[in-house]
Amino acid sequence: AGPFRWTRYPSLLVLIFCGLGFALSFRSWTGLVFLVALIGIIIRRINLWEKMYAQRYQHAWALRCQASKRILPFLY
């Protein structure tokens, strides 16, 4: 239920939105560069979590992966 229906990591999605809001509110190119770096770190962390969860929850995790996207609903 809730945001977990469409995305597996809603907390990381919120972190991206906060970083984007910070960069846009201060109209900072530096903030956008940090946002790109943050997105790279988040993607790396998701890949590590995906491997760990796939080993730990084998069949259940495969079903969960089919039901939702990683961060952006309907895209990634």
C-alpha atoms as a PDB file:
ATOM      1  CA  ALA A   1       0.000   0.000   0.000  1.00  0.00           C
ATOM      2  CA  GLY A   2       1.039   3.611  -0.371  1.00  0.00           C
ATOM      3  CA  PRO A   3       4.225   4.529  -2.216  1.00  0.00           C
ATOM      4  CA  PHE A   4       5.552   0.985  -1.885  1.00  0.00           C
ATOM      5  CA  ARG A   5       3.006  -0.131  -4.464  1.00  0.00           C
ATOM      6  CA  TRP A   6       4.894   1.625  -7.298  1.00  0.00           C
ATOM      7  CA  THR A   7       8.476   1.938  -6.096  1.00  0.00           C
ATOM      8  CA  ARG A   8      10.738  -0.294  -4.025  1.00  0.00           C
ATOM      9  CA  TYR A   9      12.819   2.519  -2.513  1.00  0.00           C
ATOM     10  CA  PRO A  10      10.594   5.548  -1.849  1.00  0.00           C
ATOM     11  CA  SER A  11      13.052   6.982   0.683  1.00  0.00           C
ATOM     12  CA  LEU A  12      15.719   7.252  -2.011  1.00  0.00           C
ATOM     13  CA  LEU A  13      13.215   8.867  -4.358  1.00  0.00           C
ATOM     14  CA  VAL A  14      12.494  11.486  -1.686  1.00  0.00           C
ATOM     15  CA  LEU A  15      16.225  12.061  -1.285  1.00  0.00           C
ATOM     16  CA  ILE A  16      16.510  12.801  -5.018  1.00  0.00           C
ATOM     17  CA  PHE A  17      13.547  15.195  -4.860  1.00  0.00           C
ATOM     18  CA  CYS A  18      15.074  17.010  -1.884  1.00  0.00           C
ATOM     19  CA  GLY A  19      18.407  17.355  -3.676  1.00  0.00           C
ATOM     20  CA  LEU A  20      16.678  18.660  -6.783  1.00  0.00           C
ATOM     21  CA  GLY A  21      14.649  21.116  -4.723  1.00  0.00           C
ATOM     22  CA  PHE A  22      17.789  22.336  -2.974  1.00  0.00           C
ATOM     23  CA  ALA A  23      19.631  22.852  -6.266  1.00  0.00           C
ATOM     24  CA  LEU A  24      16.695  24.640  -7.878  1.00  0.00           C
ATOM     25  CA  SER A  25      15.821  26.813  -4.879  1.00  0.00           C
ATOM     26  CA  PHE A  26      19.337  28.244  -4.697  1.00  0.00           C
ATOM     27  CA  ARG A  27      19.719  28.294  -8.504  1.00  0.00           C
ATOM     28  CA  SER A  28      23.078  26.641  -8.139  1.00  0.00           C
ATOM     29  CA  TRP A  29      25.044  24.776 -10.775  1.00  0.00           C
ATOM     30  CA  THR A  30      27.100  23.326  -7.971  1.00  0.00           C
ATOM     31  CA  GLY A  31      23.927  21.925  -6.445  1.00  0.00           C
ATOM     32  CA  LEU A  32      23.051  20.253  -9.746  1.00  0.00           C
ATOM     33  CA  VAL A  33      26.528  18.724  -9.957  1.00  0.00           C
ATOM     34  CA  PHE A  34      26.109  17.373  -6.430  1.00  0.00           C
ATOM     35  CA  LEU A  35      22.684  16.049  -7.414  1.00  0.00           C
ATOM     36  CA  VAL A  36      24.201  14.107 -10.310  1.00  0.00           C
ATOM     37  CA  ALA A  37      26.805  12.673  -7.937  1.00  0.00           C
ATOM     38  CA  LEU A  38      24.050  11.826  -5.440  1.00  0.00           C
ATOM     39  CA  ILE A  39      22.049  10.010  -8.113  1.00  0.00           C
ATOM     40  CA  GLY A  40      25.155   7.983  -9.027  1.00  0.00           C
ATOM     41  CA  ILE A  41      25.642   7.005  -5.392  1.00  0.00           C
ATOM     42  CA  ILE A  42      21.969   6.090  -5.045  1.00  0.00           C
ATOM     43  CA  ILE A  43      22.056   3.878  -8.143  1.00  0.00           C
ATOM     44  CA  ARG A  44      25.168   2.124  -6.828  1.00  0.00           C
ATOM     45  CA  ARG A  45      23.499   1.549  -3.454  1.00  0.00           C
ATOM     46  CA  ILE A  46      20.350   0.198  -5.114  1.00  0.00           C
ATOM     47  CA  ASN A  47      22.404  -2.286  -7.137  1.00  0.00           C
ATOM     48  CA  LEU A  48      24.088  -3.511  -3.949  1.00  0.00           C
ATOM     49  CA  TRP A  49      20.750  -3.814  -2.132  1.00  0.00           C
ATOM     50  CA  GLU A  50      19.205  -5.647  -5.081  1.00  0.00           C
ATOM     51  CA  LYS A  51      21.961  -8.277  -4.988  1.00  0.00           C
ATOM     52  CA  MET A  52      21.659  -8.689  -1.229  1.00  0.00           C
ATOM     53  CA  TYR A  53      17.859  -8.967  -1.282  1.00  0.00           C
ATOM     54  CA  ALA A  54      17.950 -11.396  -4.214  1.00  0.00           C
ATOM     55  CA  GLN A  55      20.196 -13.722  -2.213  1.00  0.00           C
ATOM     56  CA  ARG A  56      18.247 -13.377   1.021  1.00  0.00           C
ATOM     57  CA  TYR A  57      14.634 -13.465  -0.253  1.00  0.00           C
ATOM     58  CA  GLN A  58      15.067 -15.447  -3.485  1.00  0.00           C
ATOM     59  CA  HIS A  59      11.548 -16.247  -4.760  1.00  0.00           C
ATOM     60  CA  ALA A  60       9.719 -13.483  -2.895  1.00  0.00           C
ATOM     61  CA  TRP A  61      12.136 -10.852  -4.161  1.00  0.00           C
ATOM     62  CA  ALA A  62      11.691 -11.970  -7.770  1.00  0.00           C
ATOM     63  CA  LEU A  63       7.940 -11.470  -7.413  1.00  0.00           C
ATOM     64  CA  ARG A  64       8.483  -8.048  -5.828  1.00  0.00           C
ATOM     65  CA  CYS A  65      10.759  -7.005  -8.688  1.00  0.00           C
ATOM     66  CA  GLN A  66       8.047  -7.846 -11.196  1.00  0.00           C
ATOM     67  CA  ALA A  67       5.448  -5.837  -9.283  1.00  0.00           C
ATOM     68  CA  SER A  68       7.346  -2.538  -8.924  1.00  0.00           C
ATOM     69  CA  LYS A  69      10.160  -0.412 -10.297  1.00  0.00           C
ATOM     70  CA  ARG A  70      13.266   0.544  -8.357  1.00  0.00           C
ATOM     71  CA  ILE A  71      12.871   4.309  -7.950  1.00  0.00           C
ATOM     72  CA  LEU A  72      10.829   6.030 -10.625  1.00  0.00           C
ATOM     73  CA  PRO A  73       7.411   4.482 -11.107  1.00  0.00           C
ATOM     74  CA  PHE A  74       6.884   3.177 -14.647  1.00  0.00           C
ATOM     75  CA  LEU A  75      10.490   4.056 -15.694  1.00  0.00           C
ATOM     76  CA  TYR A  76      13.368   2.651 -13.592  1.00  0.00           C
END
